[in-house]
PDB file of N, CA and C in Angstrom:
ATOM      1  N   UNK A   1      41.179  36.386  -0.272  1.00  0.00           N
ATOM      2  CA  UNK A   1      40.207  37.029   0.560  1.00  0.00           C
ATOM      3  C   UNK A   1      38.840  37.047  -0.106  1.00  0.00           C
ATOM      4  N   UNK A   2      38.781  37.054  -1.429  1.00  0.00           N
ATOM      5  CA  UNK A   2      37.505  37.111  -2.114  1.00  0.00           C
ATOM      6  C   UNK A   2      36.621  35.933  -1.786  1.00  0.00           C
ATOM      7  N   UNK A   3      37.185  34.744  -1.770  1.00  0.00           N
ATOM      8  CA  UNK A   3      36.401  33.554  -1.459  1.00  0.00           C
ATOM      9  C   UNK A   3      35.925  33.593  -0.011  1.00  0.00           C
ATOM     10  N   UNK A   4      36.788  33.950   0.894  1.00  0.00           N
ATOM     11  CA  UNK A   4      36.421  33.992   2.304  1.00  0.00           C
ATOM     12  C   UNK A   4      35.326  35.042   2.544  1.00  0.00           C
ATOM     13  N   UNK A   5      35.458  36.195   1.891  1.00  0.00           N
ATOM     14  CA  UNK A   5      34.474  37.253   2.061  1.00  0.00           C
ATOM     15  C   UNK A   5      33.109  36.800   1.542  1.00  0.00           C
ATOM     16  N   UNK A   6      33.084  36.222   0.343  1.00  0.00           N
ATOM     17  CA  UNK A   6      31.799  35.822  -0.228  1.00  0.00           C
ATOM     18  C   UNK A   6      31.201  34.639   0.522  1.00  0.00           C
ATOM     19  N   UNK A   7      32.031  33.783   1.075  1.00  0.00           N
ATOM     20  CA  UNK A   7      31.522  32.611   1.776  1.00  0.00           C
ATOM     21  C   UNK A   7      30.957  32.965   3.140  1.00  0.00           C
ATOM     22  N   UNK A   8      31.678  33.721   3.915  1.00  0.00           N
ATOM     23  CA  UNK A   8      31.308  33.929   5.305  1.00  0.00           C
ATOM     24  C   UNK A   8      30.623  35.261   5.589  1.00  0.00           C
ATOM     25  N   UNK A   9      30.705  36.226   4.672  1.00  0.00           N
ATOM     26  CA  UNK A   9      30.131  37.535   4.959  1.00  0.00           C
ATOM     27  C   UNK A   9      28.937  37.835   4.058  1.00  0.00           C
ATOM     28  N   UNK A  10      29.132  37.817   2.754  1.00  0.00           N
ATOM     29  CA  UNK A  10      28.057  38.247   1.864  1.00  0.00           C
ATOM     30  C   UNK A  10      27.052  37.146   1.536  1.00  0.00           C
ATOM     31  N   UNK A  11      27.492  35.901   1.398  1.00  0.00           N
ATOM     32  CA  UNK A  11      26.586  34.820   0.995  1.00  0.00           C
ATOM     33  C   UNK A  11      26.763  33.568   1.841  1.00  0.00           C
ATOM     34  N   UNK A  12      26.606  33.640   3.141  1.00  0.00           N
ATOM     35  CA  UNK A  12      26.826  32.431   3.933  1.00  0.00           C
ATOM     36  C   UNK A  12      25.753  31.370   3.725  1.00  0.00           C
ATOM     37  N   UNK A  13      24.552  31.776   3.290  1.00  0.00           N
ATOM     38  CA  UNK A  13      23.476  30.801   3.115  1.00  0.00           C
ATOM     39  C   UNK A  13      23.569  30.035   1.806  1.00  0.00           C
ATOM     40  N   UNK A  14      24.344  30.526   0.846  1.00  0.00           N
ATOM     41  CA  UNK A  14      24.483  29.814  -0.427  1.00  0.00           C
ATOM     42  C   UNK A  14      25.873  29.240  -0.623  1.00  0.00           C
ATOM     43  N   UNK A  15      26.664  29.212   0.410  1.00  0.00           N
ATOM     44  CA  UNK A  15      27.998  28.615   0.322  1.00  0.00           C
ATOM     45  C   UNK A  15      27.959  27.218   0.924  1.00  0.00           C
ATOM     46  N   UNK A  16      28.450  26.215   0.187  1.00  0.00           N
ATOM     47  CA  UNK A  16      28.429  24.845   0.710  1.00  0.00           C
ATOM     48  C   UNK A  16      29.306  24.685   1.945  1.00  0.00           C
ATOM     49  N   UNK A  17      28.878  23.802   2.815  1.00  0.00           N
ATOM     50  CA  UNK A  17      29.657  23.464   4.003  1.00  0.00           C
ATOM     51  C   UNK A  17      30.675  22.403   3.602  1.00  0.00           C
ATOM     52  N   UNK A  18      31.941  22.751   3.623  1.00  0.00           N
ATOM     53  CA  UNK A  18      32.969  21.833   3.130  1.00  0.00           C
ATOM     54  C   UNK A  18      33.241  20.689   4.086  1.00  0.00           C
ATOM     55  N   UNK A  19      32.729  20.769   5.305  1.00  0.00           N
ATOM     56  CA  UNK A  19      32.992  19.727   6.286  1.00  0.00           C
ATOM     57  C   UNK A  19      31.903  18.661   6.340  1.00  0.00           C
ATOM     58  N   UNK A  20      30.808  18.861   5.615  1.00  0.00           N
ATOM     59  CA  UNK A  20      29.706  17.911   5.609  1.00  0.00           C
ATOM     60  C   UNK A  20      29.442  17.413   4.194  1.00  0.00           C
ATOM     61  N   UNK A  21      28.661  16.368   4.103  1.00  0.00           N
ATOM     62  CA  UNK A  21      28.308  15.798   2.808  1.00  0.00           C
ATOM     63  C   UNK A  21      27.394  16.762   2.051  1.00  0.00           C
ATOM     64  N   UNK A  22      27.351  16.653   0.710  1.00  0.00           N
ATOM     65  CA  UNK A  22      26.454  17.511  -0.077  1.00  0.00           C
ATOM     66  C   UNK A  22      24.994  17.315   0.338  1.00  0.00           C
ATOM     67  N   UNK A  23      24.205  18.368   0.236  1.00  0.00           N
ATOM     68  CA  UNK A  23      22.814  18.313   0.668  1.00  0.00           C
ATOM     69  C   UNK A  23      21.875  17.866  -0.444  1.00  0.00           C
ATOM     70  N   UNK A  24      22.319  17.904  -1.689  1.00  0.00           N
ATOM     71  CA  UNK A  24      21.465  17.539  -2.815  1.00  0.00           C
ATOM     72  C   UNK A  24      21.766  16.119  -3.274  1.00  0.00           C
ATOM     73  N   UNK A  25      20.777  15.537  -3.945  1.00  0.00           N
ATOM     74  CA  UNK A  25      20.921  14.194  -4.484  1.00  0.00           C
ATOM     75  C   UNK A  25      22.051  14.186  -5.512  1.00  0.00           C
ATOM     76  N   UNK A  26      23.009  13.260  -5.405  1.00  0.00           N
ATOM     77  CA  UNK A  26      24.119  13.244  -6.359  1.00  0.00           C
ATOM     78  C   UNK A  26      23.681  12.931  -7.787  1.00  0.00           C
ATOM     79  N   UNK A  27      22.511  12.335  -7.965  1.00  0.00           N
ATOM     80  CA  UNK A  27      22.028  12.018  -9.311  1.00  0.00           C
ATOM     81  C   UNK A  27      21.116  13.101  -9.870  1.00  0.00           C
ATOM     82  N   UNK A  28      20.856  14.160  -9.095  1.00  0.00           N
ATOM     83  CA  UNK A  28      20.002  15.244  -9.558  1.00  0.00           C
ATOM     84  C   UNK A  28      20.659  15.956 -10.738  1.00  0.00           C
ATOM     85  N   UNK A  29      19.959  15.992 -11.867  1.00  0.00           N
ATOM     86  CA  UNK A  29      20.488  16.620 -13.069  1.00  0.00           C
ATOM     87  C   UNK A  29      21.246  15.669 -13.969  1.00  0.00           C
ATOM     88  N   UNK A  30      21.310  14.397 -13.621  1.00  0.00           N
ATOM     89  CA  UNK A  30      21.984  13.393 -14.438  1.00  0.00           C
ATOM     90  C   UNK A  30      20.966  12.311 -14.806  1.00  0.00           C
ATOM     91  N   UNK A  31      20.216  12.494 -15.891  1.00  0.00           N
ATOM     92  CA  UNK A  31      19.159  11.527 -16.223  1.00  0.00           C
ATOM     93  C   UNK A  31      19.688  10.123 -16.515  1.00  0.00           C
ATOM     94  N   UNK A  32      20.881  10.017 -17.055  1.00  0.00           N
ATOM     95  CA  UNK A  32      21.453   8.694 -17.337  1.00  0.00           C
ATOM     96  C   UNK A  32      22.266   8.152 -16.175  1.00  0.00           C
ATOM     97  N   UNK A  33      22.358   8.893 -15.114  1.00  0.00           N
ATOM     98  CA  UNK A  33      23.135   8.460 -13.960  1.00  0.00           C
ATOM     99  C   UNK A  33      24.578   8.916 -14.056  1.00  0.00           C
ATOM    100  N   UNK A  34      25.333   8.618 -13.020  1.00  0.00           N
ATOM    101  CA  UNK A  34      26.752   8.985 -12.955  1.00  0.00           C
ATOM    102  C   UNK A  34      27.580   7.740 -12.703  1.00  0.00           C
ATOM    103  N   UNK A  35      28.805   7.816 -13.145  1.00  0.00           N
ATOM    104  CA  UNK A  35      29.727   6.716 -12.897  1.00  0.00           C
ATOM    105  C   UNK A  35      30.189   6.801 -11.442  1.00  0.00           C
ATOM    106  N   UNK A  36      30.009   5.715 -10.715  1.00  0.00           N
ATOM    107  CA  UNK A  36      30.395   5.700  -9.309  1.00  0.00           C
ATOM    108  C   UNK A  36      31.895   5.470  -9.181  1.00  0.00           C
ATOM    109  N   UNK A  37      32.509   6.202  -8.288  1.00  0.00           N
ATOM    110  CA  UNK A  37      33.940   6.040  -8.051  1.00  0.00           C
ATOM    111  C   UNK A  37      34.154   4.867  -7.112  1.00  0.00           C
ATOM    112  N   UNK A  38      35.143   4.072  -7.418  1.00  0.00           N
ATOM    113  CA  UNK A  38      35.449   2.912  -6.583  1.00  0.00           C
ATOM    114  C   UNK A  38      36.920   2.971  -6.182  1.00  0.00           C
ATOM    115  N   UNK A  39      37.175   2.478  -4.978  1.00  0.00           N
ATOM    116  CA  UNK A  39      38.552   2.367  -4.504  1.00  0.00           C
ATOM    117  C   UNK A  39      39.182   1.143  -5.143  1.00  0.00           C
ATOM    118  N   UNK A  40      40.332   1.315  -5.758  1.00  0.00           N
ATOM    119  CA  UNK A  40      41.031   0.195  -6.386  1.00  0.00           C
ATOM    120  C   UNK A  40      41.874  -0.524  -5.344  1.00  0.00           C
ATOM    121  N   UNK A  41      42.556   0.231  -4.503  1.00  0.00           N
ATOM    122  CA  UNK A  41      43.393  -0.361  -3.462  1.00  0.00           C
ATOM    123  C   UNK A  41      42.532  -0.767  -2.270  1.00  0.00           C
ATOM    124  N   UNK A  42      42.799  -1.938  -1.759  1.00  0.00           N
ATOM    125  CA  UNK A  42      42.063  -2.403  -0.581  1.00  0.00           C
ATOM    126  C   UNK A  42      42.716  -1.859   0.684  1.00  0.00           C
ATOM    127  N   UNK A  43      41.997  -1.983   1.771  1.00  0.00           N
ATOM    128  CA  UNK A  43      42.529  -1.521   3.058  1.00  0.00           C
ATOM    129  C   UNK A  43      43.794  -2.300   3.431  1.00  0.00           C
ATOM    130  N   UNK A  44      43.807  -3.579   3.139  1.00  0.00           N
ATOM    131  CA  UNK A  44      44.971  -4.405   3.457  1.00  0.00           C
ATOM    132  C   UNK A  44      46.188  -3.975   2.643  1.00  0.00           C
ATOM    133  N   UNK A  45      45.993  -3.681   1.363  1.00  0.00           N
ATOM    134  CA  UNK A  45      47.105  -3.220   0.530  1.00  0.00           C
ATOM    135  C   UNK A  45      47.666  -1.897   1.043  1.00  0.00           C
ATOM    136  N   UNK A  46      46.784  -1.003   1.462  1.00  0.00           N
ATOM    137  CA  UNK A  46      47.252   0.282   1.988  1.00  0.00           C
ATOM    138  C   UNK A  46      47.981   0.095   3.314  1.00  0.00           C
ATOM    139  N   UNK A  47      47.514  -0.833   4.140  1.00  0.00           N
ATOM    140  CA  UNK A  47      48.216  -1.111   5.390  1.00  0.00           C
ATOM    141  C   UNK A  47      49.588  -1.716   5.125  1.00  0.00           C
ATOM    142  N   UNK A  48      49.652  -2.668   4.171  1.00  0.00           N
ATOM    143  CA  UNK A  48      50.925  -3.295   3.838  1.00  0.00           C
ATOM    144  C   UNK A  48      51.927  -2.297   3.275  1.00  0.00           C
ATOM    145  N   UNK A  49      51.436  -1.325   2.517  1.00  0.00           N
ATOM    146  CA  UNK A  49      52.319  -0.302   1.944  1.00  0.00           C
ATOM    147  C   UNK A  49      52.638   0.809   2.946  1.00  0.00           C
ATOM    148  N   UNK A  50      52.003   0.754   4.115  1.00  0.00           N
ATOM    149  CA  UNK A  50      52.200   1.756   5.165  1.00  0.00           C
ATOM    150  C   UNK A  50      51.910   3.177   4.681  1.00  0.00           C
ATOM    151  N   UNK A  51      50.805   3.297   3.972  1.00  0.00           N
ATOM    152  CA  UNK A  51      50.407   4.621   3.494  1.00  0.00           C
ATOM    153  C   UNK A  51      49.912   5.459   4.665  1.00  0.00           C
ATOM    154  N   UNK A  52      50.290   6.719   4.714  1.00  0.00           N
ATOM    155  CA  UNK A  52      49.746   7.603   5.755  1.00  0.00           C
ATOM    156  C   UNK A  52      48.236   7.775   5.539  1.00  0.00           C
ATOM    157  N   UNK A  53      47.520   8.096   6.579  1.00  0.00           N
ATOM    158  CA  UNK A  53      46.068   8.212   6.485  1.00  0.00           C
ATOM    159  C   UNK A  53      45.627   9.290   5.502  1.00  0.00           C
ATOM    160  N   UNK A  54      46.390  10.365   5.382  1.00  0.00           N
ATOM    161  CA  UNK A  54      45.989  11.427   4.471  1.00  0.00           C
ATOM    162  C   UNK A  54      46.215  11.079   3.000  1.00  0.00           C
ATOM    163  N   UNK A  55      46.885   9.983   2.712  1.00  0.00           N
ATOM    164  CA  UNK A  55      47.122   9.553   1.329  1.00  0.00           C
ATOM    165  C   UNK A  55      46.196   8.413   0.907  1.00  0.00           C
ATOM    166  N   UNK A  56      45.308   7.987   1.772  1.00  0.00           N
ATOM    167  CA  UNK A  56      44.421   6.852   1.473  1.00  0.00           C
ATOM    168  C   UNK A  56      43.154   7.362   0.804  1.00  0.00           C
ATOM    169  N   UNK A  57      43.292   7.720  -0.457  1.00  0.00           N
ATOM    170  CA  UNK A  57      42.162   8.211  -1.220  1.00  0.00           C
ATOM    171  C   UNK A  57      42.005   7.390  -2.489  1.00  0.00           C
ATOM    172  N   UNK A  58      41.281   7.912  -3.465  1.00  0.00           N
ATOM    173  CA  UNK A  58      41.022   7.174  -4.692  1.00  0.00           C
ATOM    174  C   UNK A  58      42.276   6.985  -5.546  1.00  0.00           C
ATOM    175  N   UNK A  59      43.357   7.650  -5.209  1.00  0.00           N
ATOM    176  CA  UNK A  59      44.604   7.539  -5.968  1.00  0.00           C
ATOM    177  C   UNK A  59      45.639   6.675  -5.244  1.00  0.00           C
ATOM    178  N   UNK A  60      45.243   5.998  -4.209  1.00  0.00           N
ATOM    179  CA  UNK A  60      46.195   5.237  -3.393  1.00  0.00           C
ATOM    180  C   UNK A  60      46.880   4.135  -4.185  1.00  0.00           C
ATOM    181  N   UNK A  61      46.181   3.527  -5.145  1.00  0.00           N
ATOM    182  CA  UNK A  61      46.797   2.441  -5.915  1.00  0.00           C
ATOM    183  C   UNK A  61      47.960   2.948  -6.759  1.00  0.00           C
ATOM    184  N   UNK A  62      47.879   4.194  -7.252  1.00  0.00           N
ATOM    185  CA  UNK A  62      49.008   4.763  -7.990  1.00  0.00           C
ATOM    186  C   UNK A  62      50.187   5.032  -7.060  1.00  0.00           C
ATOM    187  N   UNK A  63      49.901   5.483  -5.864  1.00  0.00           N
ATOM    188  CA  UNK A  63      50.973   5.755  -4.906  1.00  0.00           C
ATOM    189  C   UNK A  63      51.650   4.459  -4.470  1.00  0.00           C
ATOM    190  N   UNK A  64      50.873   3.397  -4.286  1.00  0.00           N
ATOM    191  CA  UNK A  64      51.453   2.095  -3.931  1.00  0.00           C
ATOM    192  C   UNK A  64      52.376   1.612  -5.039  1.00  0.00           C
ATOM    193  N   UNK A  65      51.942   1.750  -6.306  1.00  0.00           N
ATOM    194  CA  UNK A  65      52.796   1.361  -7.433  1.00  0.00           C
ATOM    195  C   UNK A  65      54.080   2.185  -7.459  1.00  0.00           C
ATOM    196  N   UNK A  66      53.962   3.478  -7.167  1.00  0.00           N
ATOM    197  CA  UNK A  66      55.137   4.346  -7.150  1.00  0.00           C
ATOM    198  C   UNK A  66      56.104   3.923  -6.045  1.00  0.00           C
ATOM    199  N   UNK A  67      55.583   3.638  -4.863  1.00  0.00           N
ATOM    200  CA  UNK A  67      56.444   3.191  -3.758  1.00  0.00           C
ATOM    201  C   UNK A  67      57.136   1.864  -4.089  1.00  0.00           C
ATOM    202  N   UNK A  68      56.408   0.945  -4.703  1.00  0.00           N
ATOM    203  CA  UNK A  68      57.014  -0.335  -5.085  1.00  0.00           C
ATOM    204  C   UNK A  68      58.110  -0.136  -6.111  1.00  0.00           C
ATOM    205  N   UNK A  69      57.870   0.738  -7.070  1.00  0.00           N
ATOM    206  CA  UNK A  69      58.885   1.018  -8.089  1.00  0.00           C
ATOM    207  C   UNK A  69      60.122   1.648  -7.457  1.00  0.00           C
ATOM    208  N   UNK A  70      59.927   2.585  -6.547  1.00  0.00           N
ATOM    209  CA  UNK A  70      61.071   3.217  -5.880  1.00  0.00           C
ATOM    210  C   UNK A  70      61.912   2.198  -5.135  1.00  0.00           C
ATOM    211  N   UNK A  71      61.218   1.259  -4.499  1.00  0.00           N
ATOM    212  CA  UNK A  71      61.943   0.248  -3.739  1.00  0.00           C
ATOM    213  C   UNK A  71      62.690  -0.694  -4.684  1.00  0.00           C
ATOM    214  N   UNK A  72      62.078  -1.039  -5.805  1.00  0.00           N
ATOM    215  CA  UNK A  72      62.701  -1.974  -6.738  1.00  0.00           C
ATOM    216  C   UNK A  72      63.834  -1.341  -7.535  1.00  0.00           C
ATOM    217  N   UNK A  73      63.718  -0.066  -7.855  1.00  0.00           N
ATOM    218  CA  UNK A  73      64.682   0.602  -8.745  1.00  0.00           C
ATOM    219  C   UNK A  73      65.758   1.393  -8.009  1.00  0.00           C
ATOM    220  N   UNK A  74      65.743   1.385  -6.686  1.00  0.00           N
ATOM    221  CA  UNK A  74      66.724   2.162  -5.948  1.00  0.00           C
ATOM    222  C   UNK A  74      68.131   1.764  -6.348  1.00  0.00           C
ATOM    223  N   UNK A  75      69.030   2.647  -6.590  1.00  0.00           N
ATOM    224  CA  UNK A  75      69.093   4.092  -6.437  1.00  0.00           C
ATOM    225  C   UNK A  75      68.665   4.862  -7.688  1.00  0.00           C
ATOM    226  N   UNK A  76      68.237   4.187  -8.748  1.00  0.00           N
ATOM    227  CA  UNK A  76      67.824   4.872  -9.976  1.00  0.00           C
ATOM    228  C   UNK A  76      66.362   5.310  -9.849  1.00  0.00           C
ATOM    229  N   UNK A  77      66.096   6.337  -9.085  1.00  0.00           N
ATOM    230  CA  UNK A  77      64.732   6.770  -8.822  1.00  0.00           C
ATOM    231  C   UNK A  77      64.082   7.439 -10.027  1.00  0.00           C
ATOM    232  N   UNK A  78      64.888   7.886 -10.969  1.00  0.00           N
ATOM    233  CA  UNK A  78      64.300   8.515 -12.149  1.00  0.00           C
ATOM    234  C   UNK A  78      63.562   7.499 -13.022  1.00  0.00           C
ATOM    235  N   UNK A  79      63.787   6.212 -12.788  1.00  0.00           N
ATOM    236  CA  UNK A  79      63.077   5.189 -13.546  1.00  0.00           C
ATOM    237  C   UNK A  79      61.598   5.137 -13.166  1.00  0.00           C
ATOM    238  N   UNK A  80      61.241   5.749 -12.059  1.00  0.00           N
ATOM    239  CA  UNK A  80      59.852   5.694 -11.569  1.00  0.00           C
ATOM    240  C   UNK A  80      59.088   6.989 -11.823  1.00  0.00           C
ATOM    241  N   UNK A  81      59.612   7.872 -12.621  1.00  0.00           N
ATOM    242  CA  UNK A  81      58.946   9.146 -12.846  1.00  0.00           C
ATOM    243  C   UNK A  81      57.604   8.970 -13.557  1.00  0.00           C
ATOM    244  N   UNK A  82      57.461   7.937 -14.369  1.00  0.00           N
ATOM    245  CA  UNK A  82      56.177   7.680 -15.025  1.00  0.00           C
ATOM    246  C   UNK A  82      55.092   7.352 -14.018  1.00  0.00           C
ATOM    247  N   UNK A  83      55.446   6.551 -13.032  1.00  0.00           N
ATOM    248  CA  UNK A  83      54.485   6.187 -11.987  1.00  0.00           C
ATOM    249  C   UNK A  83      54.169   7.388 -11.097  1.00  0.00           C
ATOM    250  N   UNK A  84      55.159   8.229 -10.849  1.00  0.00           N
ATOM    251  CA  UNK A  84      54.928   9.456 -10.081  1.00  0.00           C
ATOM    252  C   UNK A  84      53.995  10.389 -10.854  1.00  0.00           C
ATOM    253  N   UNK A  85      54.193  10.468 -12.152  1.00  0.00           N
ATOM    254  CA  UNK A  85      53.335  11.299 -12.997  1.00  0.00           C
ATOM    255  C   UNK A  85      51.892  10.783 -12.969  1.00  0.00           C
ATOM    256  N   UNK A  86      51.713   9.470 -13.036  1.00  0.00           N
ATOM    257  CA  UNK A  86      50.370   8.889 -12.975  1.00  0.00           C
ATOM    258  C   UNK A  86      49.685   9.256 -11.658  1.00  0.00           C
ATOM    259  N   UNK A  87      50.422   9.165 -10.573  1.00  0.00           N
ATOM    260  CA  UNK A  87      49.863   9.526  -9.269  1.00  0.00           C
ATOM    261  C   UNK A  87      49.499  11.012  -9.218  1.00  0.00           C
ATOM    262  N   UNK A  88      50.401  11.870  -9.692  1.00  0.00           N
ATOM    263  CA  UNK A  88      50.131  13.307  -9.677  1.00  0.00           C
ATOM    264  C   UNK A  88      48.916  13.646 -10.540  1.00  0.00           C
ATOM    265  N   UNK A  89      48.790  12.992 -11.691  1.00  0.00           N
ATOM    266  CA  UNK A  89      47.635  13.224 -12.564  1.00  0.00           C
ATOM    267  C   UNK A  89      46.344  12.799 -11.880  1.00  0.00           C
ATOM    268  N   UNK A  90      46.372  11.674 -11.200  1.00  0.00           N
ATOM    269  CA  UNK A  90      45.194  11.198 -10.480  1.00  0.00           C
ATOM    270  C   UNK A  90      44.807  12.181  -9.386  1.00  0.00           C
ATOM    271  N   UNK A  91      45.772  12.680  -8.646  1.00  0.00           N
ATOM    272  CA  UNK A  91      45.491  13.651  -7.591  1.00  0.00           C
ATOM    273  C   UNK A  91      44.919  14.944  -8.180  1.00  0.00           C
ATOM    274  N   UNK A  92      45.444  15.365  -9.323  1.00  0.00           N
ATOM    275  CA  UNK A  92      44.935  16.571  -9.967  1.00  0.00           C
ATOM    276  C   UNK A  92      43.488  16.370 -10.416  1.00  0.00           C
ATOM    277  N   UNK A  93      43.209  15.225 -11.046  1.00  0.00           N
ATOM    278  CA  UNK A  93      41.845  14.941 -11.490  1.00  0.00           C
ATOM    279  C   UNK A  93      40.892  14.861 -10.295  1.00  0.00           C
ATOM    280  N   UNK A  94      41.343  14.309  -9.193  1.00  0.00           N
ATOM    281  CA  UNK A  94      40.531  14.243  -7.991  1.00  0.00           C
ATOM    282  C   UNK A  94      40.233  15.649  -7.470  1.00  0.00           C
ATOM    283  N   UNK A  95      41.228  16.508  -7.491  1.00  0.00           N
ATOM    284  CA  UNK A  95      41.039  17.895  -7.064  1.00  0.00           C
ATOM    285  C   UNK A  95      40.025  18.605  -7.952  1.00  0.00           C
ATOM    286  N   UNK A  96      40.162  18.437  -9.262  1.00  0.00           N
ATOM    287  CA  UNK A  96      39.228  19.069 -10.200  1.00  0.00           C
ATOM    288  C   UNK A  96      37.810  18.560  -9.953  1.00  0.00           C
ATOM    289  N   UNK A  97      37.663  17.269  -9.724  1.00  0.00           N
ATOM    290  CA  UNK A  97      36.342  16.703  -9.478  1.00  0.00           C
ATOM    291  C   UNK A  97      35.735  17.271  -8.192  1.00  0.00           C
ATOM    292  N   UNK A  98      36.534  17.407  -7.148  1.00  0.00           N
ATOM    293  CA  UNK A  98      36.021  17.972  -5.904  1.00  0.00           C
ATOM    294  C   UNK A  98      35.613  19.432  -6.073  1.00  0.00           C
ATOM    295  N   UNK A  99      36.381  20.199  -6.854  1.00  0.00           N
ATOM    296  CA  UNK A  99      36.028  21.595  -7.100  1.00  0.00           C
ATOM    297  C   UNK A  99      34.738  21.699  -7.917  1.00  0.00           C
ATOM    298  N   UNK A 100      34.554  20.790  -8.872  1.00  0.00           N
ATOM    299  CA  UNK A 100      33.317  20.783  -9.649  1.00  0.00           C
ATOM    300  C   UNK A 100      32.120  20.442  -8.765  1.00  0.00           C
ATOM    301  N   UNK A 101      32.306  19.514  -7.847  1.00  0.00           N
ATOM    302  CA  UNK A 101      31.225  19.165  -6.925  1.00  0.00           C
ATOM    303  C   UNK A 101      30.898  20.335  -6.000  1.00  0.00           C
ATOM    304  N   UNK A 102      31.914  21.055  -5.554  1.00  0.00           N
ATOM    305  CA  UNK A 102      31.694  22.233  -4.716  1.00  0.00           C
ATOM    306  C   UNK A 102      30.889  23.272  -5.494  1.00  0.00           C
ATOM    307  N   UNK A 103      31.290  23.529  -6.722  1.00  0.00           N
ATOM    308  CA  UNK A 103      30.603  24.519  -7.549  1.00  0.00           C
ATOM    309  C   UNK A 103      29.168  24.086  -7.845  1.00  0.00           C
ATOM    310  N   UNK A 104      28.955  22.799  -8.086  1.00  0.00           N
ATOM    311  CA  UNK A 104      27.610  22.281  -8.332  1.00  0.00           C
ATOM    312  C   UNK A 104      26.729  22.497  -7.111  1.00  0.00           C
ATOM    313  N   UNK A 105      27.248  22.183  -5.935  1.00  0.00           N
ATOM    314  CA  UNK A 105      26.496  22.374  -4.694  1.00  0.00           C
ATOM    315  C   UNK A 105      26.183  23.855  -4.490  1.00  0.00           C
ATOM    316  N   UNK A 106      27.134  24.714  -4.767  1.00  0.00           N
ATOM    317  CA  UNK A 106      26.929  26.148  -4.604  1.00  0.00           C
ATOM    318  C   UNK A 106      25.831  26.655  -5.537  1.00  0.00           C
ATOM    319  N   UNK A 107      25.862  26.223  -6.778  1.00  0.00           N
ATOM    320  CA  UNK A 107      24.846  26.671  -7.734  1.00  0.00           C
ATOM    321  C   UNK A 107      23.468  26.127  -7.382  1.00  0.00           C
ATOM    322  N   UNK A 108      23.398  24.896  -6.903  1.00  0.00           N
ATOM    323  CA  UNK A 108      22.111  24.342  -6.501  1.00  0.00           C
ATOM    324  C   UNK A 108      21.554  25.061  -5.280  1.00  0.00           C
ATOM    325  N   UNK A 109      22.421  25.456  -4.346  1.00  0.00           N
ATOM    326  CA  UNK A 109      21.972  26.235  -3.200  1.00  0.00           C
ATOM    327  C   UNK A 109      21.445  27.599  -3.636  1.00  0.00           C
ATOM    328  N   UNK A 110      22.128  28.235  -4.580  1.00  0.00           N
ATOM    329  CA  UNK A 110      21.664  29.522  -5.087  1.00  0.00           C
ATOM    330  C   UNK A 110      20.324  29.367  -5.802  1.00  0.00           C
ATOM    331  N   UNK A 111      20.186  28.295  -6.556  1.00  0.00           N
ATOM    332  CA  UNK A 111      18.938  28.041  -7.274  1.00  0.00           C
ATOM    333  C   UNK A 111      17.780  27.815  -6.302  1.00  0.00           C
ATOM    334  N   UNK A 112      18.012  27.033  -5.264  1.00  0.00           N
ATOM    335  CA  UNK A 112      16.942  26.790  -4.289  1.00  0.00           C
ATOM    336  C   UNK A 112      16.578  28.077  -3.550  1.00  0.00           C
ATOM    337  N   UNK A 113      17.545  28.953  -3.292  1.00  0.00           N
ATOM    338  CA  UNK A 113      17.257  30.229  -2.650  1.00  0.00           C
ATOM    339  C   UNK A 113      16.402  31.104  -3.560  1.00  0.00           C
ATOM    340  N   UNK A 114      16.744  31.145  -4.856  1.00  0.00           N
ATOM    341  CA  UNK A 114      15.941  31.918  -5.807  1.00  0.00           C
ATOM    342  C   UNK A 114      14.516  31.392  -5.873  1.00  0.00           C
ATOM    343  N   UNK A 115      14.357  30.067  -5.866  1.00  0.00           N
ATOM    344  CA  UNK A 115      13.016  29.476  -5.904  1.00  0.00           C
ATOM    345  C   UNK A 115      12.216  29.837  -4.652  1.00  0.00           C
ATOM    346  N   UNK A 116      12.854  29.776  -3.479  1.00  0.00           N
ATOM    347  CA  UNK A 116      12.168  30.141  -2.240  1.00  0.00           C
ATOM    348  C   UNK A 116      11.737  31.599  -2.257  1.00  0.00           C
ATOM    349  N   UNK A 117      12.615  32.489  -2.727  1.00  0.00           N
ATOM    350  CA  UNK A 117      12.284  33.905  -2.777  1.00  0.00           C
ATOM    351  C   UNK A 117      11.153  34.171  -3.761  1.00  0.00           C
ATOM    352  N   UNK A 118      11.178  33.486  -4.897  1.00  0.00           N
ATOM    353  CA  UNK A 118      10.122  33.672  -5.888  1.00  0.00           C
ATOM    354  C   UNK A 118       8.779  33.201  -5.327  1.00  0.00           C
ATOM    355  N   UNK A 119       8.791  32.041  -4.668  1.00  0.00           N
ATOM    356  CA  UNK A 119       7.550  31.532  -4.070  1.00  0.00           C
ATOM    357  C   UNK A 119       7.045  32.462  -2.979  1.00  0.00           C
ATOM    358  N   UNK A 120       7.938  33.041  -2.197  1.00  0.00           N
ATOM    359  CA  UNK A 120       7.532  33.976  -1.143  1.00  0.00           C
ATOM    360  C   UNK A 120       6.942  35.249  -1.743  1.00  0.00           C
ATOM    361  N   UNK A 121       7.530  35.750  -2.824  1.00  0.00           N
ATOM    362  CA  UNK A 121       6.996  36.946  -3.490  1.00  0.00           C
ATOM    363  C   UNK A 121       5.615  36.671  -4.056  1.00  0.00           C
ATOM    364  N   UNK A 122       5.453  35.519  -4.717  1.00  0.00           N
ATOM    365  CA  UNK A 122       4.150  35.177  -5.296  1.00  0.00           C
ATOM    366  C   UNK A 122       3.096  35.022  -4.214  1.00  0.00           C
ATOM    367  N   UNK A 123       3.489  34.435  -3.084  1.00  0.00           N
ATOM    368  CA  UNK A 123       2.544  34.267  -1.976  1.00  0.00           C
ATOM    369  C   UNK A 123       2.172  35.609  -1.371  1.00  0.00           C
ATOM    370  N   UNK A 124       3.122  36.531  -1.335  1.00  0.00           N
ATOM    371  CA  UNK A 124       2.878  37.842  -0.768  1.00  0.00           C
ATOM    372  C   UNK A 124       1.914  38.661  -1.629  1.00  0.00           C
ATOM    373  N   UNK A 125       2.024  38.548  -2.943  1.00  0.00           N
ATOM    374  CA  UNK A 125       1.208  39.354  -3.848  1.00  0.00           C
ATOM    375  C   UNK A 125      -0.079  38.674  -4.258  1.00  0.00           C
ATOM    376  N   UNK A 126      -0.405  37.537  -3.708  1.00  0.00           N
ATOM    377  CA  UNK A 126      -1.675  36.868  -4.046  1.00  0.00           C
ATOM    378  C   UNK A 126      -2.814  37.409  -3.256  1.00  0.00           C
TER     379      UNK A 126
END
C-alpha cells in the first residue's frame, strides 16, 4: 500500500508513468554514454521456438537454449538446470535494471519539480 499511496495520492506528479516511455534523455548523467541493450534472439528464432509473446524479451535466447536442452535431454530434465539458472539470472538482472530505471526517472522528476519551485520562488521575490 505504501507504493500505491505515494504514487497516486501524495506524489502523483513525481511518480513515473509505467505505461509510457521515460521522459528524460537516457544519456542524461552519463558523460561516457551507456551500453545499449541488444536482442540476441531474432524474431524468426523466437517464432521457431514458439515462445509466448510475454517471454520475448532480452532473455529470450536463454529460454530458447533451455527449451532445446529440455527437448534433447528428455526425460533427464535435471541436465538442463544450468540453462534454466542462466535464464532465471537474466530475468532477475532485467528486473533489477528496470527498477533502477524507474528509480532514476522518479528522482529526475523530483529534481525537475524542485528546480521549478525554486525558479518560481526566485521570480516571486524579485
